[in-house]
Amino acid sequence: MNTAQERARQAYARITETDRPEAWIHLRPLDDVLADARRIDARVTGGEHLPLAGTAFAVKDNVDIAGLPTTAACPGFAYEAKRTATAAQRLIDAGSLVLGKTNLDQFATGLVGTRSPYGACRNAHDAERISGGSSSGSAVVVALGIADFALGTDTAGSGRVPAALNGIVGIKGTLGLVPVDGVVPACPSYDCATILAPTLPDAVRVMRVITGPSDGDPASRGWPATAPLAAPPEPVVAVPTASNLTVLSPSTRELFDKAARQLEELGARLKELDITPFLEAARLLYDGALVAERYASFGESLEELSRDPANGVDPTVRAITMKARDIPARDLVRDQQHLRALRVHTRSLLEGFDAMLVPTAPEHPTIEDAQADPIGVNSRMGTFTNFMNLLDMAGIAVPAGEADGARFGVTIVTRAFEDQVGIDIAALLTGTEAPLYPSTGLDVALFGAHMRGLALNHQMITHGGRFIREIATSPRYTMQALPTEIPKPAVTRTGSTSLVGELWQLPPAGLGAFLDALPQPMTLGKIELADGTWVTGFGCSDPTGEDISAHGGWRAYLDS
């Protein structure tokens, strides 16, 4: 692992090599970053555990970093932040270095990366094409290898579209899991903080650090006790019907179908679903009264700033925001009610499905295209992203190849708090490990029929369980074969054998339901592992049966 000082120097060398000055609005002096790096290295040398030490990150410039200006890509709006946003502070506390503040579509209003007086943000791989927005600079500096990851925001797709167009991963978690205090609001009811990273494991590792409620964000949420910790072995994935995908070119459609086939080949079961109601919800964000939240968030400031051209107000952002100024309250209430009805309807449509696969963005325009038709191009970019926050869903955007000379990506979409299900399915597409995201799982040691591939393993899956690793007990146990209808062992601390088994995690509610349904004579108690730790595991209140300890475990006994 690099020291923090080495990583800082590498980042600034890469900044010089890549020559993308428009990706940054405020780049910190190298000496300031090195001073932070020396403090981090000293803490690590002193034995402190900093999970992100040796990494460097960028921050979208609508997120506050104390002592640095926050502009939201509007020079006249700029202010010096007095406090660091909670999500960013958690990254700093974990040992990562802040390189600076990145460019964005002004006030996070756009999916193209061209709506900024600081310059149109060029794509990392093709300087003539858009980077995607609004987290444009954040995506570019990650894709170019400058930053290890970047903190962005996502209301309509801002953390997913630029990920797709730059060939990286973007995770937009369930609304509220990552607090947004210290973030300039765009649409407060639907704003998320998001992570852009080169790989899925990188992104999940960072998401774990920034997730958790904050007193500063009244809309922040913690993991519920029911949050599943794994996708099922054969997840059922919804794919849009052909009529939903007509916006794709033949080449991008071919890549989308290829991603779907890959999931199928790796064990997923695909079923078509007409996603028209989801797309209907998406249109409410800009074409309906919900856009009034943008005027409520920054419209009055924008109106005042527009009086002086030196303030750098983007004309397209101004037009969108001013259009929302006079929306009647009754129209807003009407569309909010309509959205509630669509939430119920779309949830019913997803019954029987574990996730949904959609294109992230339907096309990859040039900067010239976006500037010639700023509203039309932007609207198309949000076709498959705008609905997710409105419907309280999570999304993981991953690369899916190249088509029409540009990057293409797909997104795994799940219901709220089923983020881990989406991560596991996305891992099938990326060929990488799927790290555990929720931090609420409870350890359970298994030694019999509930282990992988055995008769009762489906109960662990049903309760949202996740296999962690193989284990062994301390050499103090006995195993007996119980004379039950479904063969299972009794494990008791009455012998001198080390028994092999599996460590799983269950959601708290899953463990409770599992315990409630546990038949006699099975019990749950504490089991000592070979490394001296104690975990919850299966015991038995009436261990009557053949002593099979000599086999060293249930699988070996069954094989015999």
Protein backbone atom coordinates (compact mmCIF):
# COMPACT_ATOMS: atom_id res chain seq x y z
CA MET A 1 0.00 0.00 0.00
CA ASN A 2 1.23 3.51 -0.80
CA THR A 3 1.92 5.92 2.00
CA ALA A 4 -0.39 8.92 1.95
CA GLN A 5 2.53 11.12 0.86
CA GLU A 6 3.37 8.82 -2.05
CA ARG A 7 -0.27 8.76 -3.11
CA ALA A 8 -0.48 12.56 -3.05
CA ARG A 9 2.54 12.95 -5.31
CA GLN A 10 1.20 10.31 -7.70
CA ALA A 11 -2.14 12.12 -7.94
CA TYR A 12 -0.57 15.48 -8.79
CA ALA A 13 1.76 13.92 -11.35
CA ARG A 14 -1.27 12.34 -12.97
CA ILE A 15 -3.09 15.70 -12.99
CA THR A 16 -0.24 17.15 -15.03
CA GLU A 17 -0.16 14.17 -17.40
CA THR A 18 -3.88 14.11 -18.17
CA ASP A 19 -4.43 17.84 -18.77
CA ARG A 20 -8.11 18.10 -17.84
CA PRO A 21 -8.14 21.46 -16.02
CA GLU A 22 -11.89 21.89 -16.57
CA ALA A 23 -12.54 18.85 -14.37
CA TRP A 24 -11.54 20.94 -11.34
CA ILE A 25 -13.05 24.07 -9.86
CA HIS A 26 -10.69 24.22 -6.88
CA LEU A 27 -7.53 22.11 -6.76
CA ARG A 28 -5.74 22.21 -3.42
CA PRO A 29 -2.03 23.12 -3.43
CA LEU A 30 0.16 20.02 -3.27
CA ASP A 31 1.89 21.31 -0.15
CA ASP A 32 -1.43 21.46 1.71
CA VAL A 33 -2.30 17.91 0.69
CA LEU A 34 1.17 16.69 1.67
CA ALA A 35 0.76 18.26 5.11
CA ASP A 36 -2.43 16.22 5.57
CA ALA A 37 -0.64 13.15 4.21
CA ARG A 38 2.17 13.44 6.76
CA ARG A 39 -0.38 13.48 9.58
CA ILE A 40 -2.09 10.40 8.17
CA ASP A 41 1.19 8.51 7.77
CA ALA A 42 2.14 9.37 11.34
CA ARG A 43 -1.17 8.02 12.64
CA VAL A 44 -0.73 4.79 10.70
CA THR A 45 2.85 4.43 11.92
CA GLY A 46 1.52 4.91 15.44
CA GLY A 47 -0.71 1.87 15.03
CA GLU A 48 -3.99 3.58 14.24
CA HIS A 49 -6.32 1.73 11.84
CA LEU A 50 -7.45 4.03 9.05
CA PRO A 51 -9.36 1.96 6.45
CA LEU A 52 -8.81 4.47 3.62
CA ALA A 53 -5.20 5.44 4.37
CA GLY A 54 -3.14 5.63 1.21
CA THR A 55 -6.07 6.80 -0.93
CA ALA A 56 -7.00 10.17 -2.39
CA PHE A 57 -10.44 11.42 -3.38
CA ALA A 58 -12.16 14.29 -5.15
CA VAL A 59 -15.31 16.10 -4.05
CA LYS A 60 -18.07 17.44 -6.27
CA ASP A 61 -18.26 21.18 -5.72
CA ASN A 62 -21.74 21.20 -4.27
CA VAL A 63 -20.40 19.37 -1.20
CA ASP A 64 -18.84 21.40 1.61
CA ILE A 65 -15.23 21.00 2.71
CA ALA A 66 -14.33 23.31 5.59
CA GLY A 67 -12.00 26.09 4.51
CA LEU A 68 -12.59 25.57 0.80
CA PRO A 69 -15.04 27.47 -1.40
CA THR A 70 -18.31 25.82 -2.44
CA THR A 71 -19.54 27.18 -5.77
CA ALA A 72 -22.09 24.66 -7.10
CA ALA A 73 -20.47 25.73 -10.42
CA CYS A 74 -21.79 29.28 -10.05
CA PRO A 75 -19.04 31.81 -9.23
CA GLY A 76 -21.47 34.38 -7.85
CA PHE A 77 -22.90 31.81 -5.42
CA ALA A 78 -19.51 30.90 -3.91
CA TYR A 79 -19.00 30.81 -0.14
CA GLU A 80 -16.29 29.43 2.12
CA ALA A 81 -17.59 26.37 3.93
CA LYS A 82 -17.31 26.49 7.71
CA ARG A 83 -18.02 22.81 8.21
CA THR A 84 -17.30 19.68 6.16
CA ALA A 85 -20.28 17.66 4.93
CA THR A 86 -20.80 14.55 7.04
CA ALA A 87 -20.16 12.11 4.18
CA ALA A 88 -16.90 13.84 3.25
CA GLN A 89 -15.80 14.09 6.89
CA ARG A 90 -16.22 10.35 7.29
CA LEU A 91 -13.87 9.80 4.36
CA ILE A 92 -11.30 12.18 5.83
CA ASP A 93 -11.59 10.52 9.24
CA ALA A 94 -10.94 7.16 7.55
CA GLY A 95 -7.61 8.47 6.25
CA SER A 96 -8.32 9.56 2.68
CA LEU A 97 -6.84 12.76 1.21
CA VAL A 98 -9.00 15.51 -0.29
CA LEU A 99 -7.45 16.61 -3.60
CA GLY A 100 -9.98 19.32 -4.40
CA LYS A 101 -13.43 20.24 -5.68
CA THR A 102 -14.64 19.07 -9.09
CA ASN A 103 -16.74 20.63 -11.83
CA LEU A 104 -20.43 19.88 -12.25
CA ASP A 105 -23.56 20.88 -14.07
CA GLN A 106 -24.50 24.08 -12.26
CA PHE A 107 -26.54 23.50 -9.10
CA ALA A 108 -26.49 19.80 -9.98
CA THR A 109 -29.08 20.48 -12.67
CA GLY A 110 -28.16 18.35 -15.65
CA LEU A 111 -26.84 15.02 -16.86
CA VAL A 112 -24.42 16.28 -19.50
CA GLY A 113 -21.46 18.00 -17.79
CA THR A 114 -21.57 21.04 -20.09
CA ARG A 115 -23.66 23.44 -17.97
CA SER A 116 -20.82 25.17 -16.16
CA PRO A 117 -19.03 28.52 -16.56
CA TYR A 118 -15.88 26.66 -15.54
CA GLY A 119 -16.00 24.83 -18.87
CA ALA A 120 -17.65 21.85 -20.48
CA CYS A 121 -16.19 18.77 -18.84
CA ARG A 122 -14.63 16.55 -21.52
CA ASN A 123 -15.00 12.80 -21.37
CA ALA A 124 -12.04 10.90 -19.94
CA HIS A 125 -11.66 8.75 -23.07
CA ASP A 126 -12.91 11.02 -25.88
CA ALA A 127 -12.43 14.76 -25.50
CA GLU A 128 -15.16 15.51 -28.05
CA ARG A 129 -17.86 13.69 -26.08
CA ILE A 130 -19.67 14.71 -22.91
CA SER A 131 -18.54 13.40 -19.57
CA GLY A 132 -22.10 13.13 -18.30
CA GLY A 133 -23.34 15.03 -15.31
CA SER A 134 -23.96 16.46 -13.00
CA SER A 135 -21.05 14.73 -11.21
CA SER A 136 -18.95 15.32 -14.31
CA GLY A 137 -15.55 16.26 -12.92
CA SER A 138 -15.79 13.60 -10.22
CA ALA A 139 -16.24 10.85 -12.81
CA VAL A 140 -13.49 12.15 -15.07
CA VAL A 141 -10.79 12.35 -12.38
CA VAL A 142 -11.58 8.80 -11.26
CA ALA A 143 -11.59 7.43 -14.81
CA LEU A 144 -8.23 9.12 -15.47
CA GLY A 145 -6.66 7.52 -12.39
CA ILE A 146 -6.14 10.81 -10.57
CA ALA A 147 -8.42 9.98 -7.64
CA ASP A 148 -9.08 6.56 -6.14
CA PHE A 149 -12.73 7.49 -5.83
CA ALA A 150 -14.91 10.58 -5.83
CA LEU A 151 -17.83 11.86 -3.84
CA GLY A 152 -20.71 13.00 -6.02
CA THR A 153 -24.43 13.56 -5.74
CA ASP A 154 -27.36 11.99 -7.54
CA THR A 155 -30.93 13.23 -7.85
CA ALA A 156 -31.84 12.16 -11.38
CA GLY A 157 -28.84 10.06 -12.39
CA SER A 158 -25.90 12.33 -11.66
CA GLY A 159 -23.84 9.60 -10.03
CA ARG A 160 -24.72 6.92 -12.59
CA VAL A 161 -24.74 8.58 -16.03
CA PRO A 162 -21.18 9.96 -15.76
CA ALA A 163 -20.02 6.59 -14.43
CA ALA A 164 -21.41 4.88 -17.52
CA LEU A 165 -19.97 7.40 -19.97
CA ASN A 166 -16.50 7.20 -18.41
CA GLY A 167 -16.35 3.44 -17.94
CA ILE A 168 -16.35 3.30 -14.14
CA VAL A 169 -18.73 2.23 -11.34
CA GLY A 170 -21.31 4.50 -9.72
CA ILE A 171 -23.31 3.49 -6.64
CA LYS A 172 -26.43 5.39 -5.67
CA GLY A 173 -27.62 3.81 -2.47
CA THR A 174 -31.08 3.83 -1.00
CA LEU A 175 -32.28 7.36 -0.23
CA GLY A 176 -31.01 8.53 3.15
CA LEU A 177 -28.41 5.81 3.78
CA VAL A 178 -25.68 8.37 3.07
CA PRO A 179 -26.51 11.69 4.77
CA VAL A 180 -26.59 14.85 2.66
CA ASP A 181 -26.05 17.53 5.29
CA GLY A 182 -23.41 19.88 3.94
CA VAL A 183 -24.60 19.30 0.35
CA VAL A 184 -26.12 22.21 -1.60
CA PRO A 185 -29.70 20.98 -2.14
CA ALA A 186 -31.12 20.43 -5.62
CA CYS A 187 -34.34 18.52 -4.85
CA PRO A 188 -34.09 17.76 -1.13
CA SER A 189 -36.72 15.01 -1.20
CA TYR A 190 -34.67 13.02 -3.72
CA ASP A 191 -31.01 14.07 -3.31
CA CYS A 192 -28.39 11.39 -2.63
CA ALA A 193 -24.66 11.42 -2.04
CA THR A 194 -22.97 8.85 -4.25
CA ILE A 195 -19.59 7.23 -4.88
CA LEU A 196 -17.79 6.87 -8.20
CA ALA A 197 -14.89 4.41 -8.28
CA PRO A 198 -12.89 2.29 -10.75
CA THR A 199 -14.28 -1.04 -9.55
CA LEU A 200 -17.27 -2.43 -7.67
CA PRO A 201 -15.23 -3.56 -4.60
CA ASP A 202 -13.67 -0.08 -4.37
CA ALA A 203 -17.06 1.59 -4.50
CA VAL A 204 -18.65 -0.69 -1.89
CA ARG A 205 -15.71 -0.31 0.49
CA VAL A 206 -16.11 3.46 0.42
CA MET A 207 -19.91 3.32 0.68
CA ARG A 208 -19.56 1.40 3.94
CA VAL A 209 -17.51 4.27 5.36
CA ILE A 210 -19.98 7.03 4.50
CA THR A 211 -23.21 5.18 5.31
CA GLY A 212 -25.15 5.84 8.49
CA PRO A 213 -27.58 8.38 9.95
CA SER A 214 -26.51 11.92 10.78
CA ASP A 215 -28.11 14.32 13.25
CA GLY A 216 -27.56 17.02 10.65
CA ASP A 217 -29.74 15.31 8.06
CA PRO A 218 -33.29 14.69 9.30
CA ALA A 219 -34.00 12.54 6.23
CA SER A 220 -31.07 10.19 6.81
CA ARG A 221 -31.89 6.57 7.52
CA GLY A 222 -30.15 3.54 8.98
CA TRP A 223 -30.30 -0.04 7.79
CA PRO A 224 -33.55 -1.73 8.80
CA ALA A 225 -33.38 -5.06 10.62
CA THR A 226 -34.85 -6.72 7.52
CA ALA A 227 -32.22 -5.58 4.98
CA PRO A 228 -31.09 -8.71 3.07
CA LEU A 229 -27.37 -9.49 3.10
CA ALA A 230 -27.21 -11.40 -0.20
CA ALA A 231 -28.89 -12.01 -3.51
CA PRO A 232 -30.41 -15.48 -3.89
CA PRO A 233 -28.33 -18.05 -5.80
CA GLU A 234 -30.62 -17.77 -8.84
CA PRO A 235 -31.89 -14.17 -8.75
CA VAL A 236 -34.90 -13.28 -10.87
CA VAL A 237 -34.05 -10.18 -12.89
CA ALA A 238 -36.54 -8.05 -14.82
CA VAL A 239 -35.48 -6.78 -18.23
CA PRO A 240 -37.44 -4.13 -20.15
CA THR A 241 -39.54 -5.16 -23.12
CA ALA A 242 -38.38 -4.33 -26.64
CA SER A 243 -40.85 -1.43 -26.75
CA ASN A 244 -39.11 0.11 -23.70
CA LEU A 245 -35.71 -0.01 -25.41
CA THR A 246 -36.44 1.66 -28.75
CA VAL A 247 -34.33 4.67 -27.71
CA LEU A 248 -31.20 2.47 -27.97
CA SER A 249 -29.19 2.25 -31.18
CA PRO A 250 -28.67 -1.24 -32.67
CA SER A 251 -25.13 -1.29 -31.23
CA THR A 252 -26.11 -0.26 -27.71
CA ARG A 253 -29.07 -2.65 -27.80
CA GLU A 254 -26.66 -5.44 -28.66
CA LEU A 255 -24.50 -4.57 -25.64
CA PHE A 256 -27.53 -4.45 -23.37
CA ASP A 257 -28.67 -7.87 -24.59
CA LYS A 258 -25.14 -9.18 -24.08
CA ALA A 259 -25.19 -8.03 -20.43
CA ALA A 260 -28.56 -9.74 -19.96
CA ARG A 261 -27.23 -12.98 -21.46
CA GLN A 262 -24.20 -12.82 -19.18
CA LEU A 263 -26.44 -12.67 -16.13
CA GLU A 264 -28.43 -15.61 -17.45
CA GLU A 265 -25.31 -17.67 -18.11
CA LEU A 266 -24.17 -17.01 -14.53
CA GLY A 267 -27.39 -18.29 -12.98
CA ALA A 268 -29.89 -15.43 -13.06
CA ARG A 269 -33.39 -16.01 -14.39
CA LEU A 270 -34.54 -13.23 -16.72
CA LYS A 271 -38.14 -12.20 -17.27
CA GLU A 272 -39.44 -9.36 -19.40
CA LEU A 273 -41.28 -6.50 -17.69
CA ASP A 274 -43.01 -3.53 -19.25
CA ILE A 275 -41.38 -0.66 -17.36
CA THR A 276 -43.66 2.06 -18.75
CA PRO A 277 -44.94 3.00 -15.24
CA PHE A 278 -41.33 3.54 -14.11
CA LEU A 279 -40.68 5.77 -17.11
CA GLU A 280 -43.89 7.66 -16.35
CA ALA A 281 -42.58 8.40 -12.86
CA ALA A 282 -39.29 9.59 -14.38
CA ARG A 283 -41.05 12.29 -16.37
CA LEU A 284 -42.50 13.80 -13.19
CA LEU A 285 -39.07 15.02 -12.09
CA TYR A 286 -38.71 17.72 -14.75
CA ASP A 287 -41.92 17.70 -16.78
CA GLY A 288 -44.19 17.84 -13.74
CA ALA A 289 -44.54 20.00 -10.66
CA LEU A 290 -41.81 18.23 -8.66
CA VAL A 291 -39.29 20.54 -10.32
CA ALA A 292 -40.63 23.20 -7.94
CA GLU A 293 -38.17 21.80 -5.39
CA ARG A 294 -35.31 23.16 -7.48
CA TYR A 295 -36.70 26.69 -7.32
CA ALA A 296 -37.33 26.26 -3.58
CA SER A 297 -33.72 25.14 -3.10
CA PHE A 298 -31.81 27.79 -5.02
CA GLY A 299 -34.21 29.65 -7.31
CA GLU A 300 -34.30 32.96 -5.45
CA SER A 301 -30.50 33.04 -5.32
CA LEU A 302 -30.31 32.22 -9.00
CA GLU A 303 -32.82 34.95 -9.83
CA GLU A 304 -30.76 37.53 -7.97
CA LEU A 305 -27.46 36.29 -9.43
CA SER A 306 -28.85 36.42 -12.97
CA ARG A 307 -28.90 40.22 -12.85
CA ASP A 308 -25.11 40.34 -13.26
CA PRO A 309 -23.48 38.27 -16.05
CA ALA A 310 -20.27 38.17 -14.01
CA ASN A 311 -21.96 35.75 -11.62
CA GLY A 312 -21.82 33.03 -14.29
CA VAL A 313 -25.40 31.77 -14.22
CA ASP A 314 -25.90 29.06 -16.85
CA PRO A 315 -28.79 30.04 -19.15
CA THR A 316 -30.21 26.51 -19.40
CA VAL A 317 -30.14 25.99 -15.64
CA ARG A 318 -31.76 29.38 -15.20
CA ALA A 319 -34.53 28.55 -17.69
CA ILE A 320 -35.32 25.24 -15.98
CA THR A 321 -35.35 26.81 -12.53
CA MET A 322 -37.35 29.89 -13.43
CA LYS A 323 -39.95 27.71 -15.15
CA ALA A 324 -40.56 26.13 -11.75
CA ARG A 325 -41.05 29.44 -9.95
CA ASP A 326 -44.76 29.84 -10.56
CA ILE A 327 -45.94 26.24 -10.23
CA PRO A 328 -49.09 26.27 -8.07
CA ALA A 329 -48.97 24.37 -4.79
CA ARG A 330 -52.01 22.38 -5.87
CA ASP A 331 -50.05 21.03 -8.87
CA LEU A 332 -47.18 19.99 -6.62
CA VAL A 333 -49.56 18.16 -4.27
CA ARG A 334 -51.25 16.51 -7.24
CA ASP A 335 -47.97 15.19 -8.62
CA GLN A 336 -46.79 14.06 -5.19
CA GLN A 337 -50.00 12.05 -4.85
CA HIS A 338 -49.53 10.67 -8.35
CA LEU A 339 -45.99 9.65 -7.44
CA ARG A 340 -47.22 7.86 -4.30
CA ALA A 341 -49.65 5.88 -6.44
CA LEU A 342 -46.87 5.02 -8.88
CA ARG A 343 -44.69 3.81 -6.01
CA VAL A 344 -47.38 1.36 -4.96
CA HIS A 345 -47.97 0.27 -8.56
CA THR A 346 -44.31 -0.24 -9.44
CA ARG A 347 -43.67 -2.19 -6.22
CA SER A 348 -46.47 -4.54 -7.19
CA LEU A 349 -44.94 -4.95 -10.66
CA LEU A 350 -41.64 -6.01 -9.06
CA GLU A 351 -43.19 -8.74 -6.92
CA GLY A 352 -41.39 -11.96 -7.73
CA PHE A 353 -38.33 -10.10 -9.00
CA ASP A 354 -35.07 -9.58 -7.11
CA ALA A 355 -33.80 -6.73 -9.31
CA MET A 356 -34.15 -4.99 -12.65
CA LEU A 357 -31.56 -4.48 -15.40
CA VAL A 358 -31.73 -1.26 -17.43
CA PRO A 359 -29.36 0.72 -19.65
CA THR A 360 -27.73 3.52 -17.67
CA ALA A 361 -27.78 6.05 -20.52
CA PRO A 362 -29.25 5.43 -23.96
CA GLU A 363 -26.57 7.28 -25.95
CA HIS A 364 -23.26 9.14 -25.65
CA PRO A 365 -23.53 12.55 -27.35
CA THR A 366 -20.74 14.91 -28.28
CA ILE A 367 -20.27 18.19 -26.45
CA GLU A 368 -21.40 19.94 -29.64
CA ASP A 369 -24.63 17.88 -29.64
CA ALA A 370 -25.37 18.83 -26.02
CA GLN A 371 -24.74 22.51 -26.59
CA ALA A 372 -26.89 22.57 -29.73
CA ASP A 373 -29.88 20.92 -27.99
CA PRO A 374 -29.29 21.27 -24.25
CA ILE A 375 -32.81 20.31 -23.13
CA GLY A 376 -33.44 17.47 -25.58
CA VAL A 377 -30.10 15.73 -25.08
CA ASN A 378 -30.29 16.05 -21.31
CA SER A 379 -33.82 14.68 -21.23
CA ARG A 380 -32.81 11.57 -23.16
CA MET A 381 -29.83 10.98 -20.87
CA GLY A 382 -32.17 10.56 -17.89
CA THR A 383 -34.55 8.10 -19.57
CA PHE A 384 -33.55 5.16 -17.38
CA THR A 385 -32.27 7.02 -14.29
CA ASN A 386 -34.80 9.70 -13.38
CA PHE A 387 -37.29 7.34 -11.76
CA MET A 388 -35.06 5.68 -9.16
CA ASN A 389 -34.94 8.27 -6.39
CA LEU A 390 -38.58 9.22 -6.97
CA LEU A 391 -39.58 5.58 -6.43
CA ASP A 392 -37.13 5.05 -3.53
CA MET A 393 -34.91 2.55 -5.32
CA ALA A 394 -31.17 1.84 -5.29
CA GLY A 395 -28.92 1.57 -8.35
CA ILE A 396 -25.47 0.22 -9.19
CA ALA A 397 -24.11 1.43 -12.54
CA VAL A 398 -21.38 -0.73 -14.10
CA PRO A 399 -19.52 -0.68 -17.43
CA ALA A 400 -20.90 -2.88 -20.22
CA GLY A 401 -18.54 -2.36 -23.15
CA GLU A 402 -18.22 0.06 -26.05
CA ALA A 403 -20.70 0.86 -28.82
CA ASP A 404 -20.85 3.53 -31.48
CA GLY A 405 -17.31 4.54 -30.53
CA ALA A 406 -18.14 5.28 -26.89
CA ARG A 407 -18.59 3.70 -23.44
CA PHE A 408 -21.88 2.05 -22.53
CA GLY A 409 -23.14 0.91 -19.15
CA VAL A 410 -26.01 -0.85 -17.44
CA THR A 411 -27.58 -0.41 -14.03
CA ILE A 412 -28.88 -2.99 -11.58
CA VAL A 413 -31.94 -1.53 -9.84
CA THR A 414 -33.39 -2.81 -6.56
CA ARG A 415 -36.02 -1.86 -4.03
CA ALA A 416 -35.04 0.35 -1.09
CA PHE A 417 -32.57 -1.26 1.33
CA GLU A 418 -31.96 -4.19 -1.02
CA ASP A 419 -28.69 -2.59 -2.11
CA GLN A 420 -26.70 -5.75 -1.37
CA VAL A 421 -28.88 -7.76 -3.75
CA GLY A 422 -27.98 -5.28 -6.50
CA ILE A 423 -24.29 -5.38 -5.61
CA ASP A 424 -24.21 -9.18 -5.79
CA ILE A 425 -25.90 -9.18 -9.20
CA ALA A 426 -23.64 -6.38 -10.46
CA ALA A 427 -20.66 -8.50 -9.43
CA LEU A 428 -21.77 -11.14 -11.93
CA LEU A 429 -21.42 -8.53 -14.68
CA THR A 430 -18.07 -7.15 -13.54
CA GLY A 431 -16.42 -10.45 -12.69
CA THR A 432 -15.33 -9.09 -9.33
CA GLU A 433 -16.05 -9.97 -5.73
CA ALA A 434 -19.19 -8.61 -4.16
CA PRO A 435 -18.21 -7.11 -0.80
CA LEU A 436 -20.76 -6.87 1.99
CA TYR A 437 -22.30 -3.40 2.24
CA PRO A 438 -24.76 -3.44 5.19
CA SER A 439 -23.03 -3.45 8.56
CA THR A 440 -25.94 -4.94 10.50
CA GLY A 441 -25.43 -8.67 9.95
CA LEU A 442 -25.23 -11.07 12.90
CA ASP A 443 -22.81 -14.01 12.80
CA VAL A 444 -24.20 -17.54 12.90
CA ALA A 445 -22.09 -20.71 12.86
CA LEU A 446 -23.60 -23.62 10.92
CA PHE A 447 -22.51 -27.24 11.18
CA GLY A 448 -25.23 -29.27 9.49
CA ALA A 449 -28.16 -29.24 7.10
CA HIS A 450 -28.28 -25.43 6.83
CA MET A 451 -24.88 -25.23 5.13
CA ARG A 452 -24.49 -24.49 1.42
CA GLY A 453 -25.99 -27.06 -0.89
CA LEU A 454 -27.64 -29.06 1.89
CA ALA A 455 -31.28 -29.75 2.66
CA LEU A 456 -32.12 -26.71 4.80
CA ASN A 457 -29.85 -24.10 3.25
CA HIS A 458 -32.89 -22.49 1.60
CA GLN A 459 -33.91 -21.25 5.05
CA MET A 460 -30.74 -19.18 5.30
CA ILE A 461 -31.39 -17.73 1.84
CA THR A 462 -35.04 -16.95 2.62
CA HIS A 463 -34.03 -15.04 5.74
CA GLY A 464 -31.52 -12.90 3.81
CA GLY A 465 -28.40 -14.71 4.97
CA ARG A 466 -24.92 -14.50 3.46
CA PHE A 467 -22.10 -17.06 3.51
CA ILE A 468 -18.95 -15.50 4.98
CA ARG A 469 -16.31 -18.24 5.23
CA GLU A 470 -15.54 -21.78 6.33
CA ILE A 471 -14.70 -22.22 10.01
CA ALA A 472 -13.66 -24.77 12.61
CA THR A 473 -14.49 -25.03 16.30
CA SER A 474 -12.01 -25.28 19.12
CA PRO A 475 -11.11 -28.96 19.93
CA ARG A 476 -13.78 -29.29 22.61
CA TYR A 477 -16.84 -30.50 20.73
CA THR A 478 -18.87 -33.59 19.97
CA MET A 479 -21.12 -34.19 16.94
CA GLN A 480 -24.01 -36.66 16.96
CA ALA A 481 -26.38 -37.62 14.13
CA LEU A 482 -29.92 -36.88 15.26
CA PRO A 483 -32.70 -39.35 14.29
CA THR A 484 -34.86 -36.60 12.73
CA GLU A 485 -36.92 -36.58 9.53
CA ILE A 486 -34.39 -34.31 7.84
CA PRO A 487 -30.95 -35.56 8.94
CA LYS A 488 -29.07 -33.02 11.03
CA PRO A 489 -26.32 -33.09 13.65
CA ALA A 490 -26.22 -32.11 17.30
CA VAL A 491 -23.12 -30.14 18.29
CA THR A 492 -22.29 -29.94 21.99
CA ARG A 493 -19.30 -28.74 23.99
CA THR A 494 -18.69 -32.13 25.57
CA GLY A 495 -15.78 -33.65 23.67
CA SER A 496 -12.33 -33.18 22.22
CA THR A 497 -12.90 -32.71 18.48
CA SER A 498 -12.59 -29.66 16.23
CA LEU A 499 -15.57 -29.62 13.88
CA VAL A 500 -15.65 -27.83 10.51
CA GLY A 501 -18.60 -25.67 9.52
CA GLU A 502 -19.57 -22.39 7.89
CA LEU A 503 -19.93 -18.85 9.20
CA TRP A 504 -22.95 -16.97 7.86
CA GLN A 505 -24.49 -13.61 8.61
CA LEU A 506 -28.19 -12.98 8.98
CA PRO A 507 -30.11 -9.70 9.23
CA PRO A 508 -31.35 -9.15 12.80
CA ALA A 509 -34.97 -9.74 11.79
CA GLY A 510 -33.93 -12.82 9.83
CA LEU A 511 -32.14 -14.27 12.83
CA GLY A 512 -35.19 -13.62 15.01
CA ALA A 513 -37.53 -15.33 12.56
CA PHE A 514 -35.07 -18.19 12.17
CA LEU A 515 -34.85 -18.71 15.92
CA ASP A 516 -38.63 -18.57 16.29
CA ALA A 517 -39.04 -21.38 13.75
CA LEU A 518 -36.22 -23.55 15.12
CA PRO A 519 -37.59 -27.03 15.96
CA GLN A 520 -36.80 -29.01 19.08
CA PRO A 521 -34.26 -30.13 20.14
CA MET A 522 -32.23 -27.51 18.25
CA THR A 523 -31.07 -24.36 20.08
CA LEU A 524 -28.88 -21.35 19.41
CA GLY A 525 -26.02 -20.61 21.78
CA LYS A 526 -22.37 -19.60 21.81
CA ILE A 527 -19.76 -21.66 19.96
CA GLU A 528 -15.99 -21.31 20.47
CA LEU A 529 -14.03 -21.20 17.22
CA ALA A 530 -10.50 -22.43 16.67
CA ASP A 531 -9.13 -18.88 16.91
CA GLY A 532 -10.65 -18.43 20.37
CA THR A 533 -13.54 -16.19 19.32
CA TRP A 534 -17.12 -16.98 20.26
CA VAL A 535 -20.05 -16.75 17.86
CA THR A 536 -23.71 -17.68 17.89
CA GLY A 537 -24.21 -21.21 16.60
CA PHE A 538 -26.35 -24.32 16.69
CA GLY A 539 -26.58 -26.35 19.85
CA CYS A 540 -28.91 -29.11 20.99
CA SER A 541 -30.96 -29.53 24.16
CA ASP A 542 -31.31 -33.35 23.76
CA PRO A 543 -28.29 -34.77 21.91
CA THR A 544 -29.34 -38.38 21.41
CA GLY A 545 -27.81 -40.14 18.44
CA GLU A 546 -24.75 -41.80 16.97
CA ASP A 547 -21.47 -40.11 17.83
CA ILE A 548 -19.96 -39.08 14.49
CA SER A 549 -17.26 -36.74 15.83
CA ALA A 550 -14.50 -38.81 14.22
CA HIS A 551 -15.59 -37.55 10.78
CA GLY A 552 -14.72 -33.99 11.83
CA GLY A 553 -17.86 -32.50 10.28
CA TRP A 554 -21.29 -33.10 8.78
CA ARG A 555 -20.25 -33.10 5.11
CA ALA A 556 -17.57 -35.72 5.75
CA TYR A 557 -20.14 -37.83 7.59
CA LEU A 558 -22.62 -37.58 4.69
CA ASP A 559 -19.88 -38.47 2.20
CA SER A 560 -19.07 -41.57 4.24
